[in-house]
Amino acid sequence: MELHQLEYVRTVARHQNFTRAAEEISVSQSSLSQQINKLENELGVRLFDRTTRKVKLTPAGVDFVRHANNIFQEIEDAKRTIQEYLSIERGHITLGAFPVIGHFQLTTLIADFQKTFPGVKLSFQEAECEELAVMLAASKIDLAFLSEIAAPMVEFYNLLMDEIVVVVNSFHPLAVQQSVTLAELRDESFIIPAPTAGIYKNFLEACNENGFNPKIIYHCSQIETNVGLVQENIGVGVLSSQVAGHYRDKISILRIVPPVIRKISLAVQKSPSHSPAVNVFIKFALQWVASR
């Protein structure tokens, strides 16, 4: 079975006529007939019922053409994929990120992408998650790493899952516990990132679902400041588990039960098409995370 034979079958099926099919693909009618006869002999089944008036696919022929169409579609998809890789040599991506992506190894992902595709120019914008979603919707950036939030104009590709934890001074009454419920935190004073941060929105939603609004005394996106205030027993900090783990020797970390999960995602503006460089970055990021 050869590829040109599949194309011959598809063309005859489309025209239901050998003469018109031969004209379209620029071969003689006798050569076209010979090739299809050869294929039918190889398969051991007739693909066409032939009469003096018309040519009609047999049931086996209908199934064969469906598979042939799929094969040619796969070939086109493969060509398009390779063309994407070839065309990104002069590509440019403006990449947004929330402030602590290094704690999630996403800086390593970026570095590995740059090593693999050195022709792609990367530029960066750092902002909180809500701000990044607005920039994506306005086409000010191409892609963003962020904590997934409600954003109707944005499409998300989940990369990993994270937990929100609370952190306390080692002399805080809760420090003797390994976990805590949100109900136990109802009366605490919180140090939490800005309202535009994904972790703020995730935590606030979880508290609201448990029937209270958290008492926030300080909005702080700088991790060192957050941890420092917790050490001074100013309040209870709210952090990502991945971030909090780096300060285990300075503060006590309490898991929230049931856990408050947040999704760390690669986000892109909802659009029927993106630049080849953006498409390749998305594929690379998903493959990179899957291989870890």
C-alpha atoms as a PDB file:
ATOM      1  CA  MET A   1       0.000   0.000   0.000  1.00  0.00           C
ATOM      2  CA  GLU A   2       1.412   3.359  -1.017  1.00  0.00           C
ATOM      3  CA  LEU A   3       0.402   6.871  -0.123  1.00  0.00           C
ATOM      4  CA  HIS A   4      -0.460   7.879  -3.674  1.00  0.00           C
ATOM      5  CA  GLN A   5      -2.889   4.934  -3.879  1.00  0.00           C
ATOM      6  CA  LEU A   6      -4.775   6.322  -0.880  1.00  0.00           C
ATOM      7  CA  GLU A   7      -5.014   9.678  -2.606  1.00  0.00           C
ATOM      8  CA  TYR A   8      -6.298   7.999  -5.781  1.00  0.00           C
ATOM      9  CA  VAL A   9      -9.054   6.236  -3.808  1.00  0.00           C
ATOM     10  CA  ARG A  10     -10.068   9.464  -2.083  1.00  0.00           C
ATOM     11  CA  THR A  11     -10.237  11.333  -5.394  1.00  0.00           C
ATOM     12  CA  VAL A  12     -12.323   8.666  -7.160  1.00  0.00           C
ATOM     13  CA  ALA A  13     -14.639   8.517  -4.138  1.00  0.00           C
ATOM     14  CA  ARG A  14     -15.084  12.292  -4.240  1.00  0.00           C
ATOM     15  CA  HIS A  15     -15.923  12.413  -7.988  1.00  0.00           C
ATOM     16  CA  GLN A  16     -17.560   8.976  -8.267  1.00  0.00           C
ATOM     17  CA  ASN A  17     -15.992   8.958 -11.694  1.00  0.00           C
ATOM     18  CA  PHE A  18     -12.620   7.650 -12.899  1.00  0.00           C
ATOM     19  CA  THR A  19     -12.288  10.108 -15.793  1.00  0.00           C
ATOM     20  CA  ARG A  20     -12.751  13.248 -13.678  1.00  0.00           C
ATOM     21  CA  ALA A  21     -10.569  11.808 -10.908  1.00  0.00           C
ATOM     22  CA  ALA A  22      -7.765  11.089 -13.404  1.00  0.00           C
ATOM     23  CA  GLU A  23      -7.977  14.653 -14.720  1.00  0.00           C
ATOM     24  CA  GLU A  24      -7.688  16.116 -11.235  1.00  0.00           C
ATOM     25  CA  ILE A  25      -4.585  14.181 -10.273  1.00  0.00           C
ATOM     26  CA  SER A  26      -3.045  14.361 -13.784  1.00  0.00           C
ATOM     27  CA  VAL A  27      -2.674  10.654 -14.518  1.00  0.00           C
ATOM     28  CA  SER A  28      -4.172   8.531 -17.260  1.00  0.00           C
ATOM     29  CA  GLN A  29      -7.440   6.804 -16.536  1.00  0.00           C
ATOM     30  CA  SER A  30      -5.880   3.403 -17.251  1.00  0.00           C
ATOM     31  CA  SER A  31      -3.049   4.079 -14.777  1.00  0.00           C
ATOM     32  CA  LEU A  32      -5.558   5.182 -12.143  1.00  0.00           C
ATOM     33  CA  SER A  33      -7.633   2.048 -12.634  1.00  0.00           C
ATOM     34  CA  GLN A  34      -4.541  -0.169 -12.478  1.00  0.00           C
ATOM     35  CA  GLN A  35      -3.391   1.361  -9.207  1.00  0.00           C
ATOM     36  CA  ILE A  36      -6.780   0.965  -7.558  1.00  0.00           C
ATOM     37  CA  ASN A  37      -7.079  -2.628  -8.847  1.00  0.00           C
ATOM     38  CA  LYS A  38      -3.618  -3.320  -7.437  1.00  0.00           C
ATOM     39  CA  LEU A  39      -4.641  -1.918  -4.056  1.00  0.00           C
ATOM     40  CA  GLU A  40      -7.878  -3.923  -4.002  1.00  0.00           C
ATOM     41  CA  ASN A  41      -5.952  -7.107  -4.814  1.00  0.00           C
ATOM     42  CA  GLU A  42      -3.504  -6.345  -2.010  1.00  0.00           C
ATOM     43  CA  LEU A  43      -6.337  -5.736   0.462  1.00  0.00           C
ATOM     44  CA  GLY A  44      -8.404  -8.662  -0.751  1.00  0.00           C
ATOM     45  CA  VAL A  45     -11.583  -6.608  -0.927  1.00  0.00           C
ATOM     46  CA  ARG A  46     -13.318  -4.379  -3.474  1.00  0.00           C
ATOM     47  CA  LEU A  47     -13.391  -0.712  -2.581  1.00  0.00           C
ATOM     48  CA  PHE A  48     -15.676   0.362  -5.459  1.00  0.00           C
ATOM     49  CA  ASP A  49     -18.735  -1.001  -7.237  1.00  0.00           C
ATOM     50  CA  ARG A  50     -18.271  -0.029 -10.873  1.00  0.00           C
ATOM     51  CA  THR A  51     -21.067   0.316 -13.427  1.00  0.00           C
ATOM     52  CA  THR A  52     -21.194   1.950 -16.842  1.00  0.00           C
ATOM     53  CA  ARG A  53     -22.872   4.977 -15.282  1.00  0.00           C
ATOM     54  CA  LYS A  54     -21.047   5.622 -12.018  1.00  0.00           C
ATOM     55  CA  VAL A  55     -18.589   4.428  -9.430  1.00  0.00           C
ATOM     56  CA  LYS A  56     -19.775   3.879  -5.880  1.00  0.00           C
ATOM     57  CA  LEU A  57     -17.908   3.000  -2.706  1.00  0.00           C
ATOM     58  CA  THR A  58     -18.582  -0.411  -1.169  1.00  0.00           C
ATOM     59  CA  PRO A  59     -19.123  -0.556   2.616  1.00  0.00           C
ATOM     60  CA  ALA A  60     -15.466  -1.584   2.942  1.00  0.00           C
ATOM     61  CA  GLY A  61     -14.551   1.344   0.707  1.00  0.00           C
ATOM     62  CA  VAL A  62     -16.432   3.798   2.918  1.00  0.00           C
ATOM     63  CA  ASP A  63     -14.430   2.657   5.967  1.00  0.00           C
ATOM     64  CA  PHE A  64     -11.203   2.676   3.970  1.00  0.00           C
ATOM     65  CA  VAL A  65     -11.724   6.272   2.823  1.00  0.00           C
ATOM     66  CA  ARG A  66     -12.462   7.358   6.389  1.00  0.00           C
ATOM     67  CA  HIS A  67      -9.134   5.926   7.538  1.00  0.00           C
ATOM     68  CA  ALA A  68      -7.349   7.396   4.512  1.00  0.00           C
ATOM     69  CA  ASN A  69      -8.758  10.837   5.378  1.00  0.00           C
ATOM     70  CA  ASN A  70      -7.460  10.446   8.934  1.00  0.00           C
ATOM     71  CA  ILE A  71      -4.014   9.512   7.621  1.00  0.00           C
ATOM     72  CA  PHE A  72      -3.799  12.602   5.429  1.00  0.00           C
ATOM     73  CA  GLN A  73      -5.033  14.778   8.286  1.00  0.00           C
ATOM     74  CA  GLU A  74      -2.275  13.383  10.504  1.00  0.00           C
ATOM     75  CA  ILE A  75       0.259  14.156   7.794  1.00  0.00           C
ATOM     76  CA  GLU A  76      -0.977  17.743   7.570  1.00  0.00           C
ATOM     77  CA  ASP A  77      -0.864  18.076  11.356  1.00  0.00           C
ATOM     78  CA  ALA A  78       2.703  16.755  11.385  1.00  0.00           C
ATOM     79  CA  LYS A  79       3.752  19.238   8.699  1.00  0.00           C
ATOM     80  CA  ARG A  80       2.106  22.092  10.597  1.00  0.00           C
ATOM     81  CA  THR A  81       3.866  21.080  13.821  1.00  0.00           C
ATOM     82  CA  ILE A  82       7.263  20.986  12.140  1.00  0.00           C
ATOM     83  CA  GLN A  83       6.546  24.340  10.500  1.00  0.00           C
ATOM     84  CA  GLU A  84       5.878  25.787  13.947  1.00  0.00           C
ATOM     85  CA  TYR A  85       9.309  24.676  15.137  1.00  0.00           C
ATOM     86  CA  LEU A  86      10.968  26.054  12.010  1.00  0.00           C
ATOM     87  CA  SER A  87       9.211  29.400  12.217  1.00  0.00           C
ATOM     88  CA  ILE A  88       9.998  30.160  15.870  1.00  0.00           C
ATOM     89  CA  GLU A  89      13.662  30.860  15.171  1.00  0.00           C
ATOM     90  CA  ARG A  90      12.764  34.545  15.041  1.00  0.00           C
ATOM     91  CA  GLY A  91       9.870  34.345  17.480  1.00  0.00           C
ATOM     92  CA  HIS A  92       9.277  36.575  20.485  1.00  0.00           C
ATOM     93  CA  ILE A  93       7.296  35.824  23.641  1.00  0.00           C
ATOM     94  CA  THR A  94       6.346  38.250  26.387  1.00  0.00           C
ATOM     95  CA  LEU A  95       5.955  36.080  29.447  1.00  0.00           C
ATOM     96  CA  GLY A  96       4.184  37.139  32.640  1.00  0.00           C
ATOM     97  CA  ALA A  97       4.767  35.522  36.013  1.00  0.00           C
ATOM     98  CA  PHE A  98       3.626  35.850  39.603  1.00  0.00           C
ATOM     99  CA  PRO A  99       6.451  36.768  42.010  1.00  0.00           C
ATOM    100  CA  VAL A 100       7.443  33.346  43.439  1.00  0.00           C
ATOM    101  CA  ILE A 101       7.661  31.117  40.348  1.00  0.00           C
ATOM    102  CA  GLY A 102      11.183  30.074  41.349  1.00  0.00           C
ATOM    103  CA  HIS A 103       9.743  28.088  44.267  1.00  0.00           C
ATOM    104  CA  PHE A 104       7.828  25.966  41.729  1.00  0.00           C
ATOM    105  CA  GLN A 105      10.889  25.306  39.490  1.00  0.00           C
ATOM    106  CA  LEU A 106       9.249  27.309  36.717  1.00  0.00           C
ATOM    107  CA  THR A 107      12.421  29.358  36.279  1.00  0.00           C
ATOM    108  CA  THR A 108      14.132  26.064  35.391  1.00  0.00           C
ATOM    109  CA  LEU A 109      11.392  25.387  32.838  1.00  0.00           C
ATOM    110  CA  ILE A 110      12.037  28.794  31.266  1.00  0.00           C
ATOM    111  CA  ALA A 111      15.787  28.199  31.188  1.00  0.00           C
ATOM    112  CA  ASP A 112      15.349  24.772  29.582  1.00  0.00           C
ATOM    113  CA  PHE A 113      13.069  26.262  26.939  1.00  0.00           C
ATOM    114  CA  GLN A 114      15.600  28.980  26.152  1.00  0.00           C
ATOM    115  CA  LYS A 115      18.375  26.381  25.800  1.00  0.00           C
ATOM    116  CA  THR A 116      16.198  24.290  23.472  1.00  0.00           C
ATOM    117  CA  PHE A 117      15.003  27.266  21.402  1.00  0.00           C
ATOM    118  CA  PRO A 118      17.765  29.886  21.602  1.00  0.00           C
ATOM    119  CA  GLY A 119      16.290  31.765  18.631  1.00  0.00           C
ATOM    120  CA  VAL A 120      13.189  32.747  20.595  1.00  0.00           C
ATOM    121  CA  LYS A 121      13.483  36.075  22.370  1.00  0.00           C
ATOM    122  CA  LEU A 122      11.861  36.117  25.804  1.00  0.00           C
ATOM    123  CA  SER A 123      10.878  39.218  27.752  1.00  0.00           C
ATOM    124  CA  PHE A 124       9.263  39.206  31.179  1.00  0.00           C
ATOM    125  CA  GLN A 125       6.614  40.996  33.223  1.00  0.00           C
ATOM    126  CA  GLU A 126       6.161  40.244  36.925  1.00  0.00           C
ATOM    127  CA  ALA A 127       2.790  40.961  38.519  1.00  0.00           C
ATOM    128  CA  GLU A 128       0.098  39.393  40.676  1.00  0.00           C
ATOM    129  CA  CYS A 129      -2.258  36.866  39.130  1.00  0.00           C
ATOM    130  CA  GLU A 130      -5.283  39.123  38.582  1.00  0.00           C
ATOM    131  CA  GLU A 131      -3.073  41.741  36.943  1.00  0.00           C
ATOM    132  CA  LEU A 132      -1.544  39.087  34.690  1.00  0.00           C
ATOM    133  CA  ALA A 133      -5.004  37.898  33.602  1.00  0.00           C
ATOM    134  CA  VAL A 134      -5.936  41.486  32.678  1.00  0.00           C
ATOM    135  CA  MET A 135      -2.716  41.874  30.688  1.00  0.00           C
ATOM    136  CA  LEU A 136      -3.388  38.631  28.826  1.00  0.00           C
ATOM    137  CA  ALA A 137      -6.920  39.705  27.925  1.00  0.00           C
ATOM    138  CA  ALA A 138      -5.550  43.029  26.647  1.00  0.00           C
ATOM    139  CA  SER A 139      -2.810  41.284  24.594  1.00  0.00           C
ATOM    140  CA  LYS A 140      -0.087  43.068  26.574  1.00  0.00           C
ATOM    141  CA  ILE A 141       1.598  39.733  27.278  1.00  0.00           C
ATOM    142  CA  ASP A 142       1.486  36.423  25.392  1.00  0.00           C
ATOM    143  CA  LEU A 143       1.610  33.887  28.220  1.00  0.00           C
ATOM    144  CA  ALA A 144       1.630  33.888  32.004  1.00  0.00           C
ATOM    145  CA  PHE A 145       2.435  31.588  34.889  1.00  0.00           C
ATOM    146  CA  LEU A 146      -0.198  32.195  37.543  1.00  0.00           C
ATOM    147  CA  SER A 147      -2.422  30.729  40.183  1.00  0.00           C
ATOM    148  CA  GLU A 148      -5.649  29.887  38.404  1.00  0.00           C
ATOM    149  CA  ILE A 149      -8.452  32.371  39.078  1.00  0.00           C
ATOM    150  CA  ALA A 150     -11.766  33.287  37.470  1.00  0.00           C
ATOM    151  CA  ALA A 151     -10.876  34.974  34.172  1.00  0.00           C
ATOM    152  CA  PRO A 152     -13.333  34.439  31.294  1.00  0.00           C
ATOM    153  CA  MET A 153     -10.995  35.760  28.584  1.00  0.00           C
ATOM    154  CA  VAL A 154      -8.150  33.449  29.595  1.00  0.00           C
ATOM    155  CA  GLU A 155      -7.467  29.791  28.840  1.00  0.00           C
ATOM    156  CA  PHE A 156      -5.548  27.771  31.453  1.00  0.00           C
ATOM    157  CA  TYR A 157      -3.174  24.820  31.076  1.00  0.00           C
ATOM    158  CA  ASN A 158      -2.725  23.291  34.518  1.00  0.00           C
ATOM    159  CA  LEU A 159       0.906  22.544  35.356  1.00  0.00           C
ATOM    160  CA  LEU A 160       0.821  21.519  39.016  1.00  0.00           C
ATOM    161  CA  MET A 161      -1.222  21.553  42.178  1.00  0.00           C
ATOM    162  CA  ASP A 162      -0.344  23.447  45.333  1.00  0.00           C
ATOM    163  CA  GLU A 163      -1.753  23.759  48.859  1.00  0.00           C
ATOM    164  CA  ILE A 164      -2.294  26.895  50.869  1.00  0.00           C
ATOM    165  CA  VAL A 165      -0.854  26.700  54.380  1.00  0.00           C
ATOM    166  CA  VAL A 166      -0.834  29.028  57.360  1.00  0.00           C
ATOM    167  CA  VAL A 167       2.364  29.897  59.177  1.00  0.00           C
ATOM    168  CA  VAL A 168       2.695  31.033  62.782  1.00  0.00           C
ATOM    169  CA  ASN A 169       5.299  32.114  65.309  1.00  0.00           C
ATOM    170  CA  SER A 170       6.793  29.155  67.161  1.00  0.00           C
ATOM    171  CA  PHE A 171       5.220  30.460  70.420  1.00  0.00           C
ATOM    172  CA  HIS A 172       1.735  30.831  68.920  1.00  0.00           C
ATOM    173  CA  PRO A 173      -0.864  28.549  70.570  1.00  0.00           C
ATOM    174  CA  LEU A 174      -1.448  26.797  67.227  1.00  0.00           C
ATOM    175  CA  ALA A 175       2.260  26.023  66.783  1.00  0.00           C
ATOM    176  CA  VAL A 176       1.897  22.711  68.654  1.00  0.00           C
ATOM    177  CA  GLN A 177      -0.457  21.456  65.924  1.00  0.00           C
ATOM    178  CA  GLN A 178       0.480  20.051  62.533  1.00  0.00           C
ATOM    179  CA  SER A 179      -2.811  21.020  60.934  1.00  0.00           C
ATOM    180  CA  VAL A 180      -5.718  23.334  61.488  1.00  0.00           C
ATOM    181  CA  THR A 181      -9.259  23.773  60.186  1.00  0.00           C
ATOM    182  CA  LEU A 182     -10.467  27.045  58.745  1.00  0.00           C
ATOM    183  CA  ALA A 183     -13.020  27.216  61.566  1.00  0.00           C
ATOM    184  CA  GLU A 184     -10.138  27.345  64.064  1.00  0.00           C
ATOM    185  CA  LEU A 185      -8.710  30.326  62.204  1.00  0.00           C
ATOM    186  CA  ARG A 186     -11.895  32.394  62.282  1.00  0.00           C
ATOM    187  CA  ASP A 187     -10.623  34.803  64.949  1.00  0.00           C
ATOM    188  CA  GLU A 188      -7.031  35.109  63.799  1.00  0.00           C
ATOM    189  CA  SER A 189      -5.445  38.179  62.209  1.00  0.00           C
ATOM    190  CA  PHE A 190      -3.889  37.458  58.829  1.00  0.00           C
ATOM    191  CA  ILE A 191      -0.891  38.634  56.850  1.00  0.00           C
ATOM    192  CA  ILE A 192      -1.660  37.805  53.253  1.00  0.00           C
ATOM    193  CA  PRO A 193      -0.602  38.881  49.738  1.00  0.00           C
ATOM    194  CA  ALA A 194      -2.396  41.660  47.863  1.00  0.00           C
ATOM    195  CA  PRO A 195      -6.034  41.285  46.721  1.00  0.00           C
ATOM    196  CA  THR A 196      -4.776  40.870  43.139  1.00  0.00           C
ATOM    197  CA  ALA A 197      -2.792  37.751  44.127  1.00  0.00           C
ATOM    198  CA  GLY A 198      -4.156  34.335  43.292  1.00  0.00           C
ATOM    199  CA  ILE A 199      -3.462  32.998  46.781  1.00  0.00           C
ATOM    200  CA  TYR A 200      -5.550  35.813  48.294  1.00  0.00           C
ATOM    201  CA  LYS A 201      -8.524  34.961  46.111  1.00  0.00           C
ATOM    202  CA  ASN A 202      -8.189  31.223  46.744  1.00  0.00           C
ATOM    203  CA  PHE A 203      -7.959  31.702  50.518  1.00  0.00           C
ATOM    204  CA  LEU A 204     -10.766  34.266  50.703  1.00  0.00           C
ATOM    205  CA  GLU A 205     -13.079  31.973  48.742  1.00  0.00           C
ATOM    206  CA  ALA A 206     -12.310  29.066  51.090  1.00  0.00           C
ATOM    207  CA  CYS A 207     -12.994  31.212  54.166  1.00  0.00           C
ATOM    208  CA  ASN A 208     -16.274  32.498  52.698  1.00  0.00           C
ATOM    209  CA  GLU A 209     -17.348  28.927  52.036  1.00  0.00           C
ATOM    210  CA  ASN A 210     -16.768  28.291  55.739  1.00  0.00           C
ATOM    211  CA  GLY A 211     -18.967  31.206  56.730  1.00  0.00           C
ATOM    212  CA  PHE A 212     -16.546  34.030  57.567  1.00  0.00           C
ATOM    213  CA  ASN A 213     -14.417  36.789  56.137  1.00  0.00           C
ATOM    214  CA  PRO A 214     -10.809  36.619  57.338  1.00  0.00           C
ATOM    215  CA  LYS A 215      -9.539  39.555  59.392  1.00  0.00           C
ATOM    216  CA  ILE A 216      -6.648  40.861  57.273  1.00  0.00           C
ATOM    217  CA  ILE A 217      -4.304  43.263  59.040  1.00  0.00           C
ATOM    218  CA  TYR A 218      -1.589  43.457  56.397  1.00  0.00           C
ATOM    219  CA  HIS A 219      -1.287  42.823  52.665  1.00  0.00           C
ATOM    220  CA  CYS A 220       2.234  41.743  51.875  1.00  0.00           C
ATOM    221  CA  SER A 221       3.536  40.125  48.687  1.00  0.00           C
ATOM    222  CA  GLN A 222       7.183  40.155  49.810  1.00  0.00           C
ATOM    223  CA  ILE A 223       7.791  36.728  51.334  1.00  0.00           C
ATOM    224  CA  GLU A 224      10.634  37.841  53.596  1.00  0.00           C
ATOM    225  CA  THR A 225       8.455  40.600  55.056  1.00  0.00           C
ATOM    226  CA  ASN A 226       5.543  38.208  55.504  1.00  0.00           C
ATOM    227  CA  VAL A 227       7.728  35.695  57.338  1.00  0.00           C
ATOM    228  CA  GLY A 228       9.374  38.439  59.394  1.00  0.00           C
ATOM    229  CA  LEU A 229       6.024  39.736  60.624  1.00  0.00           C
ATOM    230  CA  VAL A 230       4.947  36.197  61.504  1.00  0.00           C
ATOM    231  CA  GLN A 231       8.196  35.720  63.476  1.00  0.00           C
ATOM    232  CA  GLU A 232       7.342  38.867  65.411  1.00  0.00           C
ATOM    233  CA  ASN A 233       3.911  37.360  66.145  1.00  0.00           C
ATOM    234  CA  ILE A 234       2.103  40.226  64.402  1.00  0.00           C
ATOM    235  CA  GLY A 235      -0.324  37.776  62.806  1.00  0.00           C
ATOM    236  CA  VAL A 236      -0.841  34.491  60.987  1.00  0.00           C
ATOM    237  CA  GLY A 237       0.725  34.259  57.548  1.00  0.00           C
ATOM    238  CA  VAL A 238      -0.916  32.706  54.503  1.00  0.00           C
ATOM    239  CA  LEU A 239       1.536  31.149  52.027  1.00  0.00           C
ATOM    240  CA  SER A 240       1.939  28.515  49.384  1.00  0.00           C
ATOM    241  CA  SER A 241       3.187  25.214  50.788  1.00  0.00           C
ATOM    242  CA  GLN A 242       6.031  25.302  48.253  1.00  0.00           C
ATOM    243  CA  VAL A 243       7.108  28.729  49.479  1.00  0.00           C
ATOM    244  CA  ALA A 244       6.600  28.083  53.197  1.00  0.00           C
ATOM    245  CA  GLY A 245       8.809  25.001  53.099  1.00  0.00           C
ATOM    246  CA  HIS A 246      11.856  27.196  52.479  1.00  0.00           C
ATOM    247  CA  TYR A 247      11.306  28.933  55.848  1.00  0.00           C
ATOM    248  CA  ARG A 248      10.680  25.870  57.984  1.00  0.00           C
ATOM    249  CA  ASP A 249      13.498  26.803  60.364  1.00  0.00           C
ATOM    250  CA  LYS A 250      11.958  30.224  61.094  1.00  0.00           C
ATOM    251  CA  ILE A 251       8.230  29.545  61.428  1.00  0.00           C
ATOM    252  CA  SER A 252       5.752  26.776  62.180  1.00  0.00           C
ATOM    253  CA  ILE A 253       3.791  25.528  59.169  1.00  0.00           C
ATOM    254  CA  LEU A 254       0.234  24.243  59.554  1.00  0.00           C
ATOM    255  CA  ARG A 255      -1.641  22.392  56.858  1.00  0.00           C
ATOM    256  CA  ILE A 256      -5.275  23.381  56.411  1.00  0.00           C
ATOM    257  CA  VAL A 257      -7.754  20.491  56.576  1.00  0.00           C
ATOM    258  CA  PRO A 258      -9.529  19.865  54.375  1.00  0.00           C
ATOM    259  CA  PRO A 259      -6.801  21.256  52.110  1.00  0.00           C
ATOM    260  CA  VAL A 260      -7.258  24.502  50.197  1.00  0.00           C
ATOM    261  CA  ILE A 261      -5.941  23.593  46.753  1.00  0.00           C
ATOM    262  CA  ARG A 262      -4.678  26.065  44.187  1.00  0.00           C
ATOM    263  CA  LYS A 263      -3.780  25.329  40.588  1.00  0.00           C
ATOM    264  CA  ILE A 264      -0.561  26.699  39.158  1.00  0.00           C
ATOM    265  CA  SER A 265      -1.160  27.101  35.441  1.00  0.00           C
ATOM    266  CA  LEU A 266       0.196  28.437  32.192  1.00  0.00           C
ATOM    267  CA  ALA A 267      -2.360  30.907  30.878  1.00  0.00           C
ATOM    268  CA  VAL A 268      -2.975  32.349  27.429  1.00  0.00           C
ATOM    269  CA  GLN A 269      -5.602  34.631  25.956  1.00  0.00           C
ATOM    270  CA  LYS A 270      -8.595  32.764  24.546  1.00  0.00           C
ATOM    271  CA  SER A 271      -8.122  32.955  20.795  1.00  0.00           C
ATOM    272  CA  PRO A 272      -8.640  30.700  17.743  1.00  0.00           C
ATOM    273  CA  SER A 273      -4.919  30.971  16.985  1.00  0.00           C
ATOM    274  CA  HIS A 274      -1.619  31.964  18.551  1.00  0.00           C
ATOM    275  CA  SER A 275       1.841  32.605  17.186  1.00  0.00           C
ATOM    276  CA  PRO A 276       4.009  29.541  16.467  1.00  0.00           C
ATOM    277  CA  ALA A 277       6.376  30.531  19.284  1.00  0.00           C
ATOM    278  CA  VAL A 278       3.509  30.640  21.803  1.00  0.00           C
ATOM    279  CA  ASN A 279       2.167  27.262  20.625  1.00  0.00           C
ATOM    280  CA  VAL A 280       5.608  25.694  20.945  1.00  0.00           C
ATOM    281  CA  PHE A 281       6.098  27.155  24.443  1.00  0.00           C
ATOM    282  CA  ILE A 282       2.768  25.683  25.590  1.00  0.00           C
ATOM    283  CA  LYS A 283       3.679  22.249  24.225  1.00  0.00           C
ATOM    284  CA  PHE A 284       7.152  22.442  25.743  1.00  0.00           C
ATOM    285  CA  ALA A 285       5.811  23.460  29.183  1.00  0.00           C
ATOM    286  CA  LEU A 286       3.249  20.648  29.297  1.00  0.00           C
ATOM    287  CA  GLN A 287       5.816  18.056  28.196  1.00  0.00           C
ATOM    288  CA  TRP A 288       8.396  19.435  30.635  1.00  0.00           C
ATOM    289  CA  VAL A 289       6.019  19.144  33.604  1.00  0.00           C
ATOM    290  CA  ALA A 290       4.818  15.677  32.527  1.00  0.00           C
ATOM    291  CA  SER A 291       8.417  14.433  32.452  1.00  0.00           C
ATOM    292  CA  ARG A 292       9.048  15.480  36.075  1.00  0.00           C
END
